PDB file of N, CA and C in Angstrom:
ATOM      1  N   UNK A   1     -11.297-118.947 -82.464  1.00  0.00           N
ATOM      2  CA  UNK A   1     -10.425-119.072 -82.449  1.00  0.00           C
ATOM      3  C   UNK A   1      -8.649-119.024 -82.279  1.00  0.00           C
ATOM      4  N   UNK A   2      -8.851-117.400 -81.774  1.00  0.00           N
ATOM      5  CA  UNK A   2      -7.602-117.064 -81.014  1.00  0.00           C
ATOM      6  C   UNK A   2      -7.547-117.611 -80.015  1.00  0.00           C
ATOM      7  N   UNK A   3      -8.812-117.191 -79.391  1.00  0.00           N
ATOM      8  CA  UNK A   3      -8.815-117.520 -77.748  1.00  0.00           C
ATOM      9  C   UNK A   3      -8.060-119.005 -77.239  1.00  0.00           C
ATOM     10  N   UNK A   4      -8.242-119.756 -78.494  1.00  0.00           N
ATOM     11  CA  UNK A   4      -8.242-121.204 -78.293  1.00  0.00           C
ATOM     12  C   UNK A   4      -6.284-121.282 -78.570  1.00  0.00           C
ATOM     13  N   UNK A   5      -5.876-120.482 -79.492  1.00  0.00           N
ATOM     14  CA  UNK A   5      -4.562-120.751 -80.296  1.00  0.00           C
ATOM     15  C   UNK A   5      -4.038-119.241 -78.544  1.00  0.00           C
ATOM     16  N   UNK A   6      -4.479-118.831 -78.050  1.00  0.00           N
ATOM     17  CA  UNK A   6      -3.978-117.968 -76.425  1.00  0.00           C
ATOM     18  C   UNK A   6      -3.790-119.216 -75.456  1.00  0.00           C
ATOM     19  N   UNK A   7      -4.767-119.743 -75.397  1.00  0.00           N
ATOM     20  CA  UNK A   7      -5.119-120.730 -74.304  1.00  0.00           C
ATOM     21  C   UNK A   7      -3.930-122.075 -74.599  1.00  0.00           C
ATOM     22  N   UNK A   8      -3.860-122.220 -75.782  1.00  0.00           N
ATOM     23  CA  UNK A   8      -3.111-123.032 -75.862  1.00  0.00           C
ATOM     24  C   UNK A   8      -1.244-122.869 -76.165  1.00  0.00           C
ATOM     25  N   UNK A   9      -1.140-121.419 -77.081  1.00  0.00           N
ATOM     26  CA  UNK A   9       0.428-121.074 -77.057  1.00  0.00           C
ATOM     27  C   UNK A   9       0.537-120.294 -76.321  1.00  0.00           C
ATOM     28  N   UNK A  10      -0.070-119.563 -74.879  1.00  0.00           N
ATOM     29  CA  UNK A  10      -0.104-118.513 -74.247  1.00  0.00           C
ATOM     30  C   UNK A  10      -0.084-117.388 -74.455  1.00  0.00           C
ATOM     31  N   UNK A  11       0.509-116.051 -74.347  1.00  0.00           N
ATOM     32  CA  UNK A  11       0.843-114.641 -75.159  1.00  0.00           C
ATOM     33  C   UNK A  11       2.089-114.689 -76.138  1.00  0.00           C
ATOM     34  N   UNK A  12       2.642-115.939 -76.635  1.00  0.00           N
ATOM     35  CA  UNK A  12       3.138-115.827 -77.599  1.00  0.00           C
ATOM     36  C   UNK A  12       2.453-115.952 -78.864  1.00  0.00           C
ATOM     37  N   UNK A  13       2.963-115.168 -80.133  1.00  0.00           N
ATOM     38  CA  UNK A  13       2.158-115.347 -81.355  1.00  0.00           C
ATOM     39  C   UNK A  13       2.708-116.288 -82.148  1.00  0.00           C
ATOM     40  N   UNK A  14       2.045-117.659 -83.154  1.00  0.00           N
ATOM     41  CA  UNK A  14       2.504-118.728 -83.391  1.00  0.00           C
ATOM     42  C   UNK A  14       3.692-118.934 -84.087  1.00  0.00           C
ATOM     43  N   UNK A  15       3.951-117.859 -84.786  1.00  0.00           N
ATOM     44  CA  UNK A  15       5.854-118.062 -85.818  1.00  0.00           C
ATOM     45  C   UNK A  15       6.814-117.508 -84.707  1.00  0.00           C
ATOM     46  N   UNK A  16       6.838-117.466 -83.581  1.00  0.00           N
ATOM     47  CA  UNK A  16       7.175-117.116 -82.384  1.00  0.00           C
ATOM     48  C   UNK A  16       7.828-118.569 -81.772  1.00  0.00           C
ATOM     49  N   UNK A  17       6.394-118.747 -81.068  1.00  0.00           N
ATOM     50  CA  UNK A  17       6.223-120.439 -80.915  1.00  0.00           C
ATOM     51  C   UNK A  17       6.742-121.352 -81.795  1.00  0.00           C
ATOM     52  N   UNK A  18       6.686-121.449 -83.403  1.00  0.00           N
ATOM     53  CA  UNK A  18       6.598-123.044 -83.707  1.00  0.00           C
ATOM     54  C   UNK A  18       8.534-122.406 -84.189  1.00  0.00           C
ATOM     55  N   UNK A  19       8.985-121.002 -84.392  1.00  0.00           N
ATOM     56  CA  UNK A  19      10.367-121.459 -84.552  1.00  0.00           C
ATOM     57  C   UNK A  19      10.938-121.623 -82.909  1.00  0.00           C
ATOM     58  N   UNK A  20      10.721-121.224 -81.712  1.00  0.00           N
ATOM     59  CA  UNK A  20      11.240-121.854 -81.172  1.00  0.00           C
ATOM     60  C   UNK A  20      10.994-123.231 -80.462  1.00  0.00           C
ATOM     61  N   UNK A  21      10.275-123.484 -80.878  1.00  0.00           N
ATOM     62  CA  UNK A  21       9.599-125.383 -81.206  1.00  0.00           C
ATOM     63  C   UNK A  21      10.973-125.905 -82.015  1.00  0.00           C
ATOM     64  N   UNK A  22      11.466-125.551 -83.069  1.00  0.00           N
ATOM     65  CA  UNK A  22      12.387-125.325 -84.196  1.00  0.00           C
ATOM     66  C   UNK A  22      13.502-125.706 -83.543  1.00  0.00           C
ATOM     67  N   UNK A  23      14.006-124.457 -82.519  1.00  0.00           N
ATOM     68  CA  UNK A  23      15.439-124.308 -82.149  1.00  0.00           C
ATOM     69  C   UNK A  23      15.300-125.947 -80.771  1.00  0.00           C
ATOM     70  N   UNK A  24      14.149-125.800 -79.955  1.00  0.00           N
ATOM     71  CA  UNK A  24      14.274-127.232 -78.895  1.00  0.00           C
ATOM     72  C   UNK A  24      14.087-128.334 -79.509  1.00  0.00           C
ATOM     73  N   UNK A  25      13.672-128.553 -80.784  1.00  0.00           N
ATOM     74  CA  UNK A  25      13.674-129.848 -81.235  1.00  0.00           C
ATOM     75  C   UNK A  25      15.747-130.341 -81.762  1.00  0.00           C
ATOM     76  N   UNK A  26      15.872-129.336 -82.228  1.00  0.00           N
ATOM     77  CA  UNK A  26      17.518-129.159 -82.646  1.00  0.00           C
ATOM     78  C   UNK A  26      18.250-129.156 -81.489  1.00  0.00           C
ATOM     79  N   UNK A  27      17.415-128.693 -80.484  1.00  0.00           N
ATOM     80  CA  UNK A  27      18.549-128.837 -78.847  1.00  0.00           C
ATOM     81  C   UNK A  27      18.467-130.293 -78.570  1.00  0.00           C
ATOM     82  N   UNK A  28      17.227-131.240 -78.586  1.00  0.00           N
ATOM     83  CA  UNK A  28      16.621-132.350 -78.567  1.00  0.00           C
ATOM     84  C   UNK A  28      17.731-133.385 -79.415  1.00  0.00           C
ATOM     85  N   UNK A  29      17.705-132.909 -80.878  1.00  0.00           N
ATOM     86  CA  UNK A  29      18.262-133.402 -81.570  1.00  0.00           C
ATOM     87  C   UNK A  29      20.172-134.002 -81.013  1.00  0.00           C
ATOM     88  N   UNK A  30      20.542-132.438 -80.219  1.00  0.00           N
ATOM     89  CA  UNK A  30      21.743-132.940 -79.948  1.00  0.00           C
ATOM     90  C   UNK A  30      22.128-133.432 -78.556  1.00  0.00           C
ATOM     91  N   UNK A  31      21.100-133.620 -78.163  1.00  0.00           N
ATOM     92  CA  UNK A  31      21.217-133.971 -77.069  1.00  0.00           C
ATOM     93  C   UNK A  31      20.969-135.807 -77.356  1.00  0.00           C
ATOM     94  N   UNK A  32      20.227-136.282 -77.743  1.00  0.00           N
ATOM     95  CA  UNK A  32      20.544-137.453 -78.606  1.00  0.00           C
ATOM     96  C   UNK A  32      22.016-137.912 -78.968  1.00  0.00           C
ATOM     97  N   UNK A  33      22.214-136.965 -79.743  1.00  0.00           N
ATOM     98  CA  UNK A  33      23.393-136.992 -80.485  1.00  0.00           C
ATOM     99  C   UNK A  33      24.512-137.976 -79.508  1.00  0.00           C
ATOM    100  N   UNK A  34      24.935-137.259 -78.614  1.00  0.00           N
ATOM    101  CA  UNK A  34      25.718-137.006 -77.594  1.00  0.00           C
ATOM    102  C   UNK A  34      25.219-138.371 -76.432  1.00  0.00           C
ATOM    103  N   UNK A  35      23.886-138.751 -76.573  1.00  0.00           N
ATOM    104  CA  UNK A  35      22.989-139.496 -75.700  1.00  0.00           C
ATOM    105  C   UNK A  35      24.032-140.933 -76.803  1.00  0.00           C
ATOM    106  N   UNK A  36      23.831-141.016 -78.010  1.00  0.00           N
ATOM    107  CA  UNK A  36      24.047-141.998 -78.976  1.00  0.00           C
ATOM    108  C   UNK A  36      25.711-142.437 -79.167  1.00  0.00           C
ATOM    109  N   UNK A  37      26.296-141.138 -78.984  1.00  0.00           N
ATOM    110  CA  UNK A  37      27.916-141.397 -79.129  1.00  0.00           C
ATOM    111  C   UNK A  37      28.414-141.805 -77.630  1.00  0.00           C
ATOM    112  N   UNK A  38      27.361-141.784 -76.502  1.00  0.00           N
ATOM    113  CA  UNK A  38      28.179-142.939 -75.383  1.00  0.00           C
ATOM    114  C   UNK A  38      27.982-144.077 -75.131  1.00  0.00           C
ATOM    115  N   UNK A  39      27.107-144.468 -76.339  1.00  0.00           N
ATOM    116  CA  UNK A  39      26.572-145.665 -75.685  1.00  0.00           C
ATOM    117  C   UNK A  39      27.743-146.687 -75.985  1.00  0.00           C
ATOM    118  N   UNK A  40      27.190-148.106 -75.110  1.00  0.00           N
ATOM    119  CA  UNK A  40      27.798-149.167 -75.305  1.00  0.00           C
ATOM    120  C   UNK A  40      27.880-150.114 -76.365  1.00  0.00           C
ATOM    121  N   UNK A  41      28.806-149.969 -77.459  1.00  0.00           N
ATOM    122  CA  UNK A  41      28.592-151.124 -78.927  1.00  0.00           C
ATOM    123  C   UNK A  41      28.352-152.572 -78.387  1.00  0.00           C
ATOM    124  N   UNK A  42      29.271-152.982 -77.464  1.00  0.00           N
ATOM    125  CA  UNK A  42      30.197-154.247 -77.060  1.00  0.00           C
ATOM    126  C   UNK A  42      29.135-154.540 -76.293  1.00  0.00           C
ATOM    127  N   UNK A  43      27.569-153.851 -75.666  1.00  0.00           N
ATOM    128  CA  UNK A  43      27.000-154.364 -74.908  1.00  0.00           C
ATOM    129  C   UNK A  43      25.964-155.902 -75.777  1.00  0.00           C
ATOM    130  N   UNK A  44      25.869-156.729 -74.595  1.00  0.00           N
ATOM    131  CA  UNK A  44      24.476-157.669 -75.834  1.00  0.00           C
ATOM    132  C   UNK A  44      23.282-156.955 -75.959  1.00  0.00           C
ATOM    133  N   UNK A  45      23.309-155.939 -74.744  1.00  0.00           N
ATOM    134  CA  UNK A  45      21.782-155.722 -75.428  1.00  0.00           C
ATOM    135  C   UNK A  45      21.512-154.423 -76.403  1.00  0.00           C
ATOM    136  N   UNK A  46      22.684-154.110 -76.861  1.00  0.00           N
ATOM    137  CA  UNK A  46      22.578-152.887 -78.547  1.00  0.00           C
ATOM    138  C   UNK A  46      23.435-153.803 -79.530  1.00  0.00           C
ATOM    139  N   UNK A  47      22.844-153.432 -81.061  1.00  0.00           N
ATOM    140  CA  UNK A  47      23.801-153.733 -81.663  1.00  0.00           C
ATOM    141  C   UNK A  47      24.604-152.625 -81.980  1.00  0.00           C
ATOM    142  N   UNK A  48      25.944-153.612 -82.386  1.00  0.00           N
ATOM    143  CA  UNK A  48      27.423-152.668 -82.768  1.00  0.00           C
ATOM    144  C   UNK A  48      27.019-151.913 -83.301  1.00  0.00           C
ATOM    145  N   UNK A  49      26.419-152.163 -84.883  1.00  0.00           N
ATOM    146  CA  UNK A  49      25.952-151.093 -85.489  1.00  0.00           C
ATOM    147  C   UNK A  49      24.919-150.129 -85.192  1.00  0.00           C
ATOM    148  N   UNK A  50      25.112-148.716 -85.033  1.00  0.00           N
ATOM    149  CA  UNK A  50      23.740-147.927 -85.279  1.00  0.00           C
ATOM    150  C   UNK A  50      22.680-148.490 -85.761  1.00  0.00           C
ATOM    151  N   UNK A  51      21.844-148.705 -85.367  1.00  0.00           N
ATOM    152  CA  UNK A  51      20.273-148.697 -86.086  1.00  0.00           C
ATOM    153  C   UNK A  51      19.748-147.795 -85.214  1.00  0.00           C
ATOM    154  N   UNK A  52      18.663-147.330 -86.760  1.00  0.00           N
ATOM    155  CA  UNK A  52      17.242-146.141 -86.008  1.00  0.00           C
ATOM    156  C   UNK A  52      16.099-146.850 -85.595  1.00  0.00           C
ATOM    157  N   UNK A  53      15.955-148.124 -86.019  1.00  0.00           N
ATOM    158  CA  UNK A  53      15.009-148.665 -85.781  1.00  0.00           C
ATOM    159  C   UNK A  53      15.251-149.310 -84.083  1.00  0.00           C
ATOM    160  N   UNK A  54      16.461-149.863 -83.578  1.00  0.00           N
ATOM    161  CA  UNK A  54      16.440-150.047 -82.376  1.00  0.00           C
ATOM    162  C   UNK A  54      16.461-148.755 -81.444  1.00  0.00           C
ATOM    163  N   UNK A  55      16.908-147.777 -82.302  1.00  0.00           N
ATOM    164  CA  UNK A  55      17.333-146.263 -80.848  1.00  0.00           C
ATOM    165  C   UNK A  55      15.824-146.088 -81.135  1.00  0.00           C
ATOM    166  N   UNK A  56      14.831-146.044 -82.343  1.00  0.00           N
ATOM    167  CA  UNK A  56      13.490-145.790 -82.068  1.00  0.00           C
ATOM    168  C   UNK A  56      12.698-146.429 -80.889  1.00  0.00           C
ATOM    169  N   UNK A  57      12.910-147.356 -81.120  1.00  0.00           N
ATOM    170  CA  UNK A  57      11.772-148.863 -80.244  1.00  0.00           C
ATOM    171  C   UNK A  57      12.838-148.604 -78.873  1.00  0.00           C
ATOM    172  N   UNK A  58      14.287-148.479 -78.453  1.00  0.00           N
ATOM    173  CA  UNK A  58      14.551-148.183 -77.386  1.00  0.00           C
ATOM    174  C   UNK A  58      14.235-147.082 -76.142  1.00  0.00           C
ATOM    175  N   UNK A  59      13.848-145.502 -77.316  1.00  0.00           N
ATOM    176  CA  UNK A  59      13.773-144.671 -76.850  1.00  0.00           C
ATOM    177  C   UNK A  59      12.392-143.917 -76.631  1.00  0.00           C
ATOM    178  N   UNK A  60      11.205-145.158 -77.636  1.00  0.00           N
ATOM    179  CA  UNK A  60      10.280-144.132 -78.049  1.00  0.00           C
ATOM    180  C   UNK A  60       9.346-143.412 -76.689  1.00  0.00           C
ATOM    181  N   UNK A  61       9.311-144.277 -75.705  1.00  0.00           N
ATOM    182  CA  UNK A  61       8.784-143.236 -74.376  1.00  0.00           C
ATOM    183  C   UNK A  61       9.177-142.173 -73.861  1.00  0.00           C
ATOM    184  N   UNK A  62      10.842-142.442 -73.511  1.00  0.00           N
ATOM    185  CA  UNK A  62      11.320-141.060 -73.675  1.00  0.00           C
ATOM    186  C   UNK A  62      10.976-139.856 -74.591  1.00  0.00           C
ATOM    187  N   UNK A  63      11.613-140.263 -75.824  1.00  0.00           N
ATOM    188  CA  UNK A  63      11.051-139.125 -76.947  1.00  0.00           C
ATOM    189  C   UNK A  63      10.005-138.326 -76.996  1.00  0.00           C
ATOM    190  N   UNK A  64       8.979-139.118 -76.896  1.00  0.00           N
ATOM    191  CA  UNK A  64       7.842-138.000 -76.653  1.00  0.00           C
ATOM    192  C   UNK A  64       7.444-137.907 -75.388  1.00  0.00           C
ATOM    193  N   UNK A  65       7.646-138.284 -74.203  1.00  0.00           N
ATOM    194  CA  UNK A  65       7.551-137.548 -73.146  1.00  0.00           C
ATOM    195  C   UNK A  65       8.311-136.797 -73.274  1.00  0.00           C
ATOM    196  N   UNK A  66       9.520-136.484 -73.813  1.00  0.00           N
ATOM    197  CA  UNK A  66      10.388-135.217 -74.010  1.00  0.00           C
ATOM    198  C   UNK A  66      10.004-133.948 -74.843  1.00  0.00           C
ATOM    199  N   UNK A  67       9.745-134.552 -75.889  1.00  0.00           N
ATOM    200  CA  UNK A  67       8.327-133.817 -76.942  1.00  0.00           C
ATOM    201  C   UNK A  67       7.335-133.059 -75.983  1.00  0.00           C
ATOM    202  N   UNK A  68       6.942-133.833 -75.079  1.00  0.00           N
ATOM    203  CA  UNK A  68       5.593-133.036 -74.574  1.00  0.00           C
ATOM    204  C   UNK A  68       6.042-131.828 -73.332  1.00  0.00           C
ATOM    205  N   UNK A  69       7.099-132.518 -72.943  1.00  0.00           N
ATOM    206  CA  UNK A  69       7.991-131.324 -71.667  1.00  0.00           C
ATOM    207  C   UNK A  69       8.440-130.362 -72.308  1.00  0.00           C
ATOM    208  N   UNK A  70       8.616-130.361 -73.580  1.00  0.00           N
ATOM    209  CA  UNK A  70       9.535-129.534 -74.638  1.00  0.00           C
ATOM    210  C   UNK A  70       8.233-128.659 -74.608  1.00  0.00           C
ATOM    211  N   UNK A  71       7.006-128.758 -75.089  1.00  0.00           N
ATOM    212  CA  UNK A  71       6.205-128.112 -75.744  1.00  0.00           C
ATOM    213  C   UNK A  71       5.310-127.605 -73.910  1.00  0.00           C
ATOM    214  N   UNK A  72       5.474-128.244 -73.214  1.00  0.00           N
ATOM    215  CA  UNK A  72       5.008-127.573 -71.613  1.00  0.00           C
ATOM    216  C   UNK A  72       5.978-126.481 -71.331  1.00  0.00           C
ATOM    217  N   UNK A  73       7.266-126.598 -71.189  1.00  0.00           N
ATOM    218  CA  UNK A  73       8.189-125.605 -71.238  1.00  0.00           C
ATOM    219  C   UNK A  73       8.241-124.439 -71.932  1.00  0.00           C
ATOM    220  N   UNK A  74       7.508-124.288 -73.065  1.00  0.00           N
ATOM    221  CA  UNK A  74       8.249-123.453 -73.839  1.00  0.00           C
ATOM    222  C   UNK A  74       6.325-122.935 -73.753  1.00  0.00           C
ATOM    223  N   UNK A  75       5.411-123.340 -73.510  1.00  0.00           N
ATOM    224  CA  UNK A  75       4.406-123.302 -73.254  1.00  0.00           C
ATOM    225  C   UNK A  75       4.477-122.153 -71.953  1.00  0.00           C
ATOM    226  N   UNK A  76       4.451-122.586 -70.900  1.00  0.00           N
ATOM    227  CA  UNK A  76       4.593-121.670 -69.581  1.00  0.00           C
ATOM    228  C   UNK A  76       6.162-121.129 -68.966  1.00  0.00           C
ATOM    229  N   UNK A  77       6.958-120.956 -70.351  1.00  0.00           N
ATOM    230  CA  UNK A  77       7.677-120.368 -70.036  1.00  0.00           C
ATOM    231  C   UNK A  77       7.692-118.600 -69.719  1.00  0.00           C
ATOM    232  N   UNK A  78       6.689-118.130 -69.728  1.00  0.00           N
ATOM    233  CA  UNK A  78       6.833-117.063 -69.200  1.00  0.00           C
ATOM    234  C   UNK A  78       6.083-117.179 -67.544  1.00  0.00           C
ATOM    235  N   UNK A  79       5.306-118.127 -67.677  1.00  0.00           N
ATOM    236  CA  UNK A  79       4.759-117.889 -66.524  1.00  0.00           C
ATOM    237  C   UNK A  79       5.379-119.021 -65.075  1.00  0.00           C
ATOM    238  N   UNK A  80       6.250-119.896 -65.414  1.00  0.00           N
ATOM    239  CA  UNK A  80       6.898-120.539 -64.665  1.00  0.00           C
ATOM    240  C   UNK A  80       8.147-119.790 -64.398  1.00  0.00           C
ATOM    241  N   UNK A  81       9.182-119.742 -65.348  1.00  0.00           N
ATOM    242  CA  UNK A  81      10.288-119.489 -65.300  1.00  0.00           C
ATOM    243  C   UNK A  81      10.509-117.498 -66.128  1.00  0.00           C
ATOM    244  N   UNK A  82       9.485-117.188 -66.204  1.00  0.00           N
ATOM    245  CA  UNK A  82       9.743-115.586 -66.374  1.00  0.00           C
ATOM    246  C   UNK A  82      10.618-115.263 -67.379  1.00  0.00           C
ATOM    247  N   UNK A  83      10.599-115.810 -68.552  1.00  0.00           N
ATOM    248  CA  UNK A  83      11.593-115.704 -69.191  1.00  0.00           C
ATOM    249  C   UNK A  83      10.349-116.053 -70.821  1.00  0.00           C
ATOM    250  N   UNK A  84      10.359-114.782 -71.858  1.00  0.00           N
ATOM    251  CA  UNK A  84       9.422-115.360 -73.325  1.00  0.00           C
ATOM    252  C   UNK A  84      10.474-116.003 -73.693  1.00  0.00           C
ATOM    253  N   UNK A  85       9.917-116.249 -75.082  1.00  0.00           N
ATOM    254  CA  UNK A  85      10.877-117.286 -75.677  1.00  0.00           C
ATOM    255  C   UNK A  85      11.422-117.015 -76.632  1.00  0.00           C
ATOM    256  N   UNK A  86      12.769-117.100 -76.886  1.00  0.00           N
ATOM    257  CA  UNK A  86      13.712-116.829 -77.256  1.00  0.00           C
ATOM    258  C   UNK A  86      14.213-118.101 -78.187  1.00  0.00           C
ATOM    259  N   UNK A  87      14.586-118.022 -78.922  1.00  0.00           N
ATOM    260  CA  UNK A  87      15.764-119.145 -79.713  1.00  0.00           C
ATOM    261  C   UNK A  87      16.687-119.838 -78.782  1.00  0.00           C
ATOM    262  N   UNK A  88      17.227-118.985 -78.183  1.00  0.00           N
ATOM    263  CA  UNK A  88      18.582-119.663 -76.895  1.00  0.00           C
ATOM    264  C   UNK A  88      17.697-120.207 -75.820  1.00  0.00           C
ATOM    265  N   UNK A  89      16.423-120.030 -75.612  1.00  0.00           N
ATOM    266  CA  UNK A  89      16.620-120.454 -74.209  1.00  0.00           C
ATOM    267  C   UNK A  89      15.854-121.660 -74.763  1.00  0.00           C
ATOM    268  N   UNK A  90      14.701-121.173 -76.053  1.00  0.00           N
ATOM    269  CA  UNK A  90      14.179-123.112 -76.700  1.00  0.00           C
ATOM    270  C   UNK A  90      15.201-123.735 -77.106  1.00  0.00           C
ATOM    271  N   UNK A  91      16.536-123.706 -77.408  1.00  0.00           N
ATOM    272  CA  UNK A  91      18.028-124.314 -77.607  1.00  0.00           C
ATOM    273  C   UNK A  91      18.022-125.115 -76.372  1.00  0.00           C
ATOM    274  N   UNK A  92      18.634-124.613 -75.389  1.00  0.00           N
ATOM    275  CA  UNK A  92      18.602-124.682 -74.553  1.00  0.00           C
ATOM    276  C   UNK A  92      17.354-126.101 -73.463  1.00  0.00           C
ATOM    277  N   UNK A  93      16.230-125.202 -73.447  1.00  0.00           N
ATOM    278  CA  UNK A  93      14.958-126.211 -73.069  1.00  0.00           C
ATOM    279  C   UNK A  93      15.280-128.032 -73.573  1.00  0.00           C
ATOM    280  N   UNK A  94      15.239-127.794 -75.242  1.00  0.00           N
ATOM    281  CA  UNK A  94      15.559-128.914 -75.802  1.00  0.00           C
ATOM    282  C   UNK A  94      17.112-129.792 -75.697  1.00  0.00           C
ATOM    283  N   UNK A  95      17.720-129.169 -75.433  1.00  0.00           N
ATOM    284  CA  UNK A  95      19.228-129.914 -74.926  1.00  0.00           C
ATOM    285  C   UNK A  95      18.952-130.324 -73.340  1.00  0.00           C
ATOM    286  N   UNK A  96      18.289-129.833 -72.590  1.00  0.00           N
ATOM    287  CA  UNK A  96      18.389-130.071 -71.517  1.00  0.00           C
ATOM    288  C   UNK A  96      17.985-130.845 -70.231  1.00  0.00           C
ATOM    289  N   UNK A  97      16.329-130.815 -70.845  1.00  0.00           N
ATOM    290  CA  UNK A  97      14.903-131.083 -70.713  1.00  0.00           C
ATOM    291  C   UNK A  97      15.288-132.744 -70.185  1.00  0.00           C
ATOM    292  N   UNK A  98      15.618-133.234 -71.469  1.00  0.00           N
ATOM    293  CA  UNK A  98      15.662-134.706 -70.634  1.00  0.00           C
ATOM    294  C   UNK A  98      16.250-135.225 -69.572  1.00  0.00           C
ATOM    295  N   UNK A  99      17.665-134.673 -69.864  1.00  0.00           N
ATOM    296  CA  UNK A  99      18.391-134.710 -68.652  1.00  0.00           C
ATOM    297  C   UNK A  99      17.809-134.314 -67.621  1.00  0.00           C
ATOM    298  N   UNK A 100      17.123-133.268 -67.398  1.00  0.00           N
ATOM    299  CA  UNK A 100      16.913-133.196 -65.903  1.00  0.00           C
ATOM    300  C   UNK A 100      15.716-134.307 -65.645  1.00  0.00           C
ATOM    301  N   UNK A 101      14.521-134.394 -66.948  1.00  0.00           N
ATOM    302  CA  UNK A 101      13.419-135.303 -66.433  1.00  0.00           C
ATOM    303  C   UNK A 101      14.370-136.835 -66.051  1.00  0.00           C
ATOM    304  N   UNK A 102      15.273-137.414 -66.886  1.00  0.00           N
ATOM    305  CA  UNK A 102      16.122-138.742 -65.690  1.00  0.00           C
ATOM    306  C   UNK A 102      16.569-138.644 -64.997  1.00  0.00           C
ATOM    307  N   UNK A 103      16.663-137.101 -64.650  1.00  0.00           N
ATOM    308  CA  UNK A 103      17.353-136.706 -63.100  1.00  0.00           C
ATOM    309  C   UNK A 103      15.977-136.903 -62.434  1.00  0.00           C
ATOM    310  N   UNK A 104      15.382-136.512 -62.305  1.00  0.00           N
ATOM    311  CA  UNK A 104      13.608-136.354 -61.826  1.00  0.00           C
ATOM    312  C   UNK A 104      13.462-137.721 -61.735  1.00  0.00           C
ATOM    313  N   UNK A 105      13.501-138.119 -62.269  1.00  0.00           N
ATOM    314  CA  UNK A 105      13.242-140.092 -62.053  1.00  0.00           C
ATOM    315  C   UNK A 105      14.388-140.872 -60.990  1.00  0.00           C
ATOM    316  N   UNK A 106      15.385-140.606 -61.333  1.00  0.00           N
ATOM    317  CA  UNK A 106      16.159-141.103 -60.741  1.00  0.00           C
ATOM    318  C   UNK A 106      16.398-140.923 -59.225  1.00  0.00           C
ATOM    319  N   UNK A 107      15.854-139.171 -58.871  1.00  0.00           N
ATOM    320  CA  UNK A 107      15.854-139.038 -57.430  1.00  0.00           C
ATOM    321  C   UNK A 107      14.518-139.745 -57.083  1.00  0.00           C
ATOM    322  N   UNK A 108      13.576-139.521 -57.506  1.00  0.00           N
ATOM    323  CA  UNK A 108      11.841-140.399 -57.606  1.00  0.00           C
ATOM    324  C   UNK A 108      12.279-141.882 -57.207  1.00  0.00           C
ATOM    325  N   UNK A 109      12.921-142.201 -57.569  1.00  0.00           N
ATOM    326  CA  UNK A 109      13.040-143.760 -57.532  1.00  0.00           C
ATOM    327  C   UNK A 109      13.948-144.512 -55.976  1.00  0.00           C
ATOM    328  N   UNK A 110      15.112-143.599 -56.202  1.00  0.00           N
ATOM    329  CA  UNK A 110      15.885-143.345 -54.769  1.00  0.00           C
ATOM    330  C   UNK A 110      14.911-143.422 -53.941  1.00  0.00           C
ATOM    331  N   UNK A 111      14.171-142.564 -53.490  1.00  0.00           N
ATOM    332  CA  UNK A 111      13.352-142.007 -52.454  1.00  0.00           C
ATOM    333  C   UNK A 111      12.612-143.631 -52.166  1.00  0.00           C
ATOM    334  N   UNK A 112      12.039-143.976 -53.427  1.00  0.00           N
ATOM    335  CA  UNK A 112      11.083-145.262 -52.894  1.00  0.00           C
ATOM    336  C   UNK A 112      11.802-146.456 -52.200  1.00  0.00           C
ATOM    337  N   UNK A 113      13.248-146.373 -52.366  1.00  0.00           N
ATOM    338  CA  UNK A 113      13.907-147.484 -51.589  1.00  0.00           C
ATOM    339  C   UNK A 113      14.046-147.695 -50.238  1.00  0.00           C
TER     340      UNK A 113
END
């Protein structure tokens, strides 16, 4: 079981990884709070009053892939970024990674035109 955890979590111990994941989720919440604040209330495609149901339905795929990307960023932080998991790093990953992913998709879409 130790080898399995080592393969899944890397060299980071479980409590540090879970704490980092919590801070990454806080960062993700800040990201989505900013996204909610900038929404167009007058659009015909969105309800005027905020709706958790609509928000979840409209962003479910993005949220799922953001969570997967956060897991991968934390797991490979040492190998890819050369940084051990810290709470500040985790917060930054959660806050900025969805925007980076969106930018990558935008660049990919432009390349296909």
